Amino acid sequence: MPDIFTEQLARFKQNEKPESVLIIADNPELIRIVVAWSNLDVRSADELSTFSGVSCSEVWSWLWENSRYNLTELKVRASVPYSESILKQKIDSLIGNRVLYPDGTVNSFVQRYLRTQVARLFEAKVKKTAKPKQSD
């Protein structure tokens, strides 16, 4: 049986909005943060605070209050030129727009966008390195 944290988070994941992609699109530094986030040790607190959320914003806030991650490790993994306070502001924006999830995952629309971008990079590299056919 899922715990209350997992259960409440699932509600948000089931109601994702594709517009979240617009937050990171064409922003390499935010993309780096998102990629690093998905490779970071992020988990719920060992002892959850009392759940009393009624509205979506209250539940979202409760989930993040009970999430644990290392900001310094994220800064190193993302390799962004921000101070930790600026990085925290960027993360807060990604959290507020539901790009990042408090279990270390990311919005599935954002994840698909990033995979598409990676596929395009590979395609471009293949086209660049492909030798032109010689005529007989």
C-alpha atoms as a PDB file:
ATOM      1  CA  MET A   1       0.000   0.000   0.000  1.00  0.00           C
ATOM      2  CA  PRO A   2       1.503   3.365  -0.982  1.00  0.00           C
ATOM      3  CA  ASP A   3       2.279   5.889   1.717  1.00  0.00           C
ATOM      4  CA  ILE A   4       0.583   9.288   1.880  1.00  0.00           C
ATOM      5  CA  PHE A   5       3.572  11.017   0.228  1.00  0.00           C
ATOM      6  CA  THR A   6       3.543   8.693  -2.788  1.00  0.00           C
ATOM      7  CA  GLU A   7      -0.231   8.788  -2.998  1.00  0.00           C
ATOM      8  CA  GLN A   8      -0.415  12.588  -3.008  1.00  0.00           C
ATOM      9  CA  LEU A   9       2.461  12.924  -5.482  1.00  0.00           C
ATOM     10  CA  ALA A  10       0.714  10.520  -7.856  1.00  0.00           C
ATOM     11  CA  ARG A  11      -2.233  12.926  -8.063  1.00  0.00           C
ATOM     12  CA  PHE A  12       0.055  15.627  -9.457  1.00  0.00           C
ATOM     13  CA  LYS A  13       1.732  13.267 -11.887  1.00  0.00           C
ATOM     14  CA  GLN A  14      -1.656  12.195 -13.228  1.00  0.00           C
ATOM     15  CA  ASN A  15      -2.616  15.811 -13.900  1.00  0.00           C
ATOM     16  CA  GLU A  16       0.507  17.111 -15.618  1.00  0.00           C
ATOM     17  CA  LYS A  17       0.326  20.023 -18.001  1.00  0.00           C
ATOM     18  CA  PRO A  18       2.443  20.161 -21.158  1.00  0.00           C
ATOM     19  CA  GLU A  19       2.972  23.910 -20.739  1.00  0.00           C
ATOM     20  CA  SER A  20       5.683  23.118 -18.181  1.00  0.00           C
ATOM     21  CA  VAL A  21       7.995  22.462 -21.123  1.00  0.00           C
ATOM     22  CA  LEU A  22       7.935  26.176 -21.943  1.00  0.00           C
ATOM     23  CA  ILE A  23       9.803  26.938 -18.710  1.00  0.00           C
ATOM     24  CA  ILE A  24      12.924  25.061 -19.823  1.00  0.00           C
ATOM     25  CA  ALA A  25      12.699  25.188 -23.616  1.00  0.00           C
ATOM     26  CA  ASP A  26      15.724  26.931 -25.097  1.00  0.00           C
ATOM     27  CA  ASN A  27      17.228  27.531 -21.644  1.00  0.00           C
ATOM     28  CA  PRO A  28      20.398  25.424 -21.392  1.00  0.00           C
ATOM     29  CA  GLU A  29      21.050  26.218 -17.736  1.00  0.00           C
ATOM     30  CA  LEU A  30      17.564  25.193 -16.619  1.00  0.00           C
ATOM     31  CA  ILE A  31      17.887  22.067 -18.739  1.00  0.00           C
ATOM     32  CA  ARG A  32      21.128  21.240 -16.929  1.00  0.00           C
ATOM     33  CA  ILE A  33      19.372  21.613 -13.582  1.00  0.00           C
ATOM     34  CA  VAL A  34      16.534  19.333 -14.690  1.00  0.00           C
ATOM     35  CA  VAL A  35      18.935  16.682 -15.989  1.00  0.00           C
ATOM     36  CA  ALA A  36      20.991  16.845 -12.788  1.00  0.00           C
ATOM     37  CA  TRP A  37      17.793  16.642 -10.707  1.00  0.00           C
ATOM     38  CA  SER A  38      16.878  13.313 -12.249  1.00  0.00           C
ATOM     39  CA  ASN A  39      20.303  11.941 -11.233  1.00  0.00           C
ATOM     40  CA  LEU A  40      20.235  13.304  -7.681  1.00  0.00           C
ATOM     41  CA  ASP A  41      19.341  11.442  -4.498  1.00  0.00           C
ATOM     42  CA  VAL A  42      15.924  12.944  -3.754  1.00  0.00           C
ATOM     43  CA  ARG A  43      13.544  11.284  -1.316  1.00  0.00           C
ATOM     44  CA  SER A  44      10.804  11.890   1.193  1.00  0.00           C
ATOM     45  CA  ALA A  45      11.696  12.653   4.809  1.00  0.00           C
ATOM     46  CA  ASP A  46      11.991   9.739   7.207  1.00  0.00           C
ATOM     47  CA  GLU A  47       9.397  11.379   9.456  1.00  0.00           C
ATOM     48  CA  LEU A  48       6.669  13.160   7.492  1.00  0.00           C
ATOM     49  CA  SER A  49       5.038  16.242   8.941  1.00  0.00           C
ATOM     50  CA  THR A  50       1.312  16.138   9.603  1.00  0.00           C
ATOM     51  CA  PHE A  51      -0.653  16.121   6.387  1.00  0.00           C
ATOM     52  CA  SER A  52      -3.527  18.572   6.382  1.00  0.00           C
ATOM     53  CA  GLY A  53      -3.547  19.787   2.796  1.00  0.00           C
ATOM     54  CA  VAL A  54      -6.858  20.618   1.225  1.00  0.00           C
ATOM     55  CA  SER A  55      -5.999  22.719  -1.809  1.00  0.00           C
ATOM     56  CA  CYS A  56      -3.565  21.655  -4.524  1.00  0.00           C
ATOM     57  CA  SER A  57      -1.079  24.340  -3.495  1.00  0.00           C
ATOM     58  CA  GLU A  58      -1.198  23.199   0.155  1.00  0.00           C
ATOM     59  CA  VAL A  59      -0.568  19.581  -0.855  1.00  0.00           C
ATOM     60  CA  TRP A  60       2.253  20.623  -3.220  1.00  0.00           C
ATOM     61  CA  SER A  61       3.865  22.671  -0.438  1.00  0.00           C
ATOM     62  CA  TRP A  62       3.530  19.751   1.999  1.00  0.00           C
ATOM     63  CA  LEU A  63       5.205  17.388  -0.459  1.00  0.00           C
ATOM     64  CA  TRP A  64       8.177  19.737  -0.848  1.00  0.00           C
ATOM     65  CA  GLU A  65       8.429  20.385   2.901  1.00  0.00           C
ATOM     66  CA  ASN A  66       8.863  16.641   3.250  1.00  0.00           C
ATOM     67  CA  SER A  67      11.364  16.242   0.425  1.00  0.00           C
ATOM     68  CA  ARG A  68      15.102  15.904   1.042  1.00  0.00           C
ATOM     69  CA  TYR A  69      17.914  16.689  -1.403  1.00  0.00           C
ATOM     70  CA  ASN A  70      21.389  18.195  -1.334  1.00  0.00           C
ATOM     71  CA  LEU A  71      21.541  21.627  -2.989  1.00  0.00           C
ATOM     72  CA  THR A  72      25.354  21.639  -3.078  1.00  0.00           C
ATOM     73  CA  GLU A  73      25.410  18.285  -4.849  1.00  0.00           C
ATOM     74  CA  LEU A  74      22.831  19.555  -7.347  1.00  0.00           C
ATOM     75  CA  LYS A  75      24.983  22.624  -8.057  1.00  0.00           C
ATOM     76  CA  VAL A  76      28.011  20.420  -8.754  1.00  0.00           C
ATOM     77  CA  ARG A  77      26.080  17.967 -10.933  1.00  0.00           C
ATOM     78  CA  ALA A  78      24.343  20.710 -12.927  1.00  0.00           C
ATOM     79  CA  SER A  79      27.608  22.611 -13.327  1.00  0.00           C
ATOM     80  CA  VAL A  80      25.847  25.963 -13.447  1.00  0.00           C
ATOM     81  CA  PRO A  81      27.548  29.269 -12.624  1.00  0.00           C
ATOM     82  CA  TYR A  82      25.091  30.220  -9.884  1.00  0.00           C
ATOM     83  CA  SER A  83      25.540  30.803  -6.199  1.00  0.00           C
ATOM     84  CA  GLU A  84      23.448  28.415  -4.107  1.00  0.00           C
ATOM     85  CA  SER A  85      20.935  31.202  -3.396  1.00  0.00           C
ATOM     86  CA  ILE A  86      20.436  31.889  -7.126  1.00  0.00           C
ATOM     87  CA  LEU A  87      20.275  28.149  -7.804  1.00  0.00           C
ATOM     88  CA  LYS A  88      17.588  27.865  -5.109  1.00  0.00           C
ATOM     89  CA  GLN A  89      15.561  30.596  -6.882  1.00  0.00           C
ATOM     90  CA  LYS A  90      15.850  28.688 -10.169  1.00  0.00           C
ATOM     91  CA  ILE A  91      14.796  25.460  -8.461  1.00  0.00           C
ATOM     92  CA  ASP A  92      11.875  27.224  -6.795  1.00  0.00           C
ATOM     93  CA  SER A  93      10.696  28.351 -10.233  1.00  0.00           C
ATOM     94  CA  LEU A  94      10.976  24.799 -11.580  1.00  0.00           C
ATOM     95  CA  ILE A  95       9.135  23.500  -8.509  1.00  0.00           C
ATOM     96  CA  GLY A  96       6.431  26.147  -8.699  1.00  0.00           C
ATOM     97  CA  ASN A  97       5.804  25.305 -12.340  1.00  0.00           C
ATOM     98  CA  ARG A  98       5.777  21.588 -11.521  1.00  0.00           C
ATOM     99  CA  VAL A  99       8.748  20.748 -13.705  1.00  0.00           C
ATOM    100  CA  LEU A 100      10.573  19.014 -10.816  1.00  0.00           C
ATOM    101  CA  TYR A 101       8.952  16.483  -8.517  1.00  0.00           C
ATOM    102  CA  PRO A 102       9.865  15.917  -4.865  1.00  0.00           C
ATOM    103  CA  ASP A 103      10.828  12.293  -5.527  1.00  0.00           C
ATOM    104  CA  GLY A 104      13.660  13.075  -7.968  1.00  0.00           C
ATOM    105  CA  THR A 105      11.592  12.697 -11.130  1.00  0.00           C
ATOM    106  CA  VAL A 106      10.522  15.352 -13.615  1.00  0.00           C
ATOM    107  CA  ASN A 107       7.325  16.228 -15.449  1.00  0.00           C
ATOM    108  CA  SER A 108       6.800  13.592 -18.149  1.00  0.00           C
ATOM    109  CA  PHE A 109       6.209  16.220 -20.861  1.00  0.00           C
ATOM    110  CA  VAL A 110       9.556  17.805 -19.938  1.00  0.00           C
ATOM    111  CA  GLN A 111      11.200  14.394 -19.992  1.00  0.00           C
ATOM    112  CA  ARG A 112       9.840  13.683 -23.490  1.00  0.00           C
ATOM    113  CA  TYR A 113      10.993  17.118 -24.685  1.00  0.00           C
ATOM    114  CA  LEU A 114      14.511  16.431 -23.405  1.00  0.00           C
ATOM    115  CA  ARG A 115      14.594  12.999 -25.047  1.00  0.00           C
ATOM    116  CA  THR A 116      13.501  14.562 -28.336  1.00  0.00           C
ATOM    117  CA  GLN A 117      16.291  17.139 -28.042  1.00  0.00           C
ATOM    118  CA  VAL A 118      18.850  14.392 -27.412  1.00  0.00           C
ATOM    119  CA  ALA A 119      17.577  12.407 -30.396  1.00  0.00           C
ATOM    120  CA  ARG A 120      17.966  15.492 -32.598  1.00  0.00           C
ATOM    121  CA  LEU A 121      21.552  15.935 -31.399  1.00  0.00           C
ATOM    122  CA  PHE A 122      22.323  12.343 -32.364  1.00  0.00           C
ATOM    123  CA  GLU A 123      20.643  12.769 -35.748  1.00  0.00           C
ATOM    124  CA  ALA A 124      22.621  15.921 -36.442  1.00  0.00           C
ATOM    125  CA  LYS A 125      25.852  14.184 -35.474  1.00  0.00           C
ATOM    126  CA  VAL A 126      25.111  11.219 -37.751  1.00  0.00           C
ATOM    127  CA  LYS A 127      24.359  13.548 -40.661  1.00  0.00           C
ATOM    128  CA  LYS A 128      27.578  15.491 -40.014  1.00  0.00           C
ATOM    129  CA  THR A 129      29.773  12.427 -39.886  1.00  0.00           C
ATOM    130  CA  ALA A 130      28.114  10.515 -42.721  1.00  0.00           C
ATOM    131  CA  LYS A 131      30.287  10.397 -45.811  1.00  0.00           C
ATOM    132  CA  PRO A 132      28.678  11.587 -49.033  1.00  0.00           C
ATOM    133  CA  LYS A 133      27.948   8.837 -51.553  1.00  0.00           C
ATOM    134  CA  GLN A 134      30.234   8.765 -54.564  1.00  0.00           C
ATOM    135  CA  SER A 135      28.769   8.445 -58.008  1.00  0.00           C
ATOM    136  CA  ASP A 136      29.872   5.579 -60.230  1.00  0.00           C
END
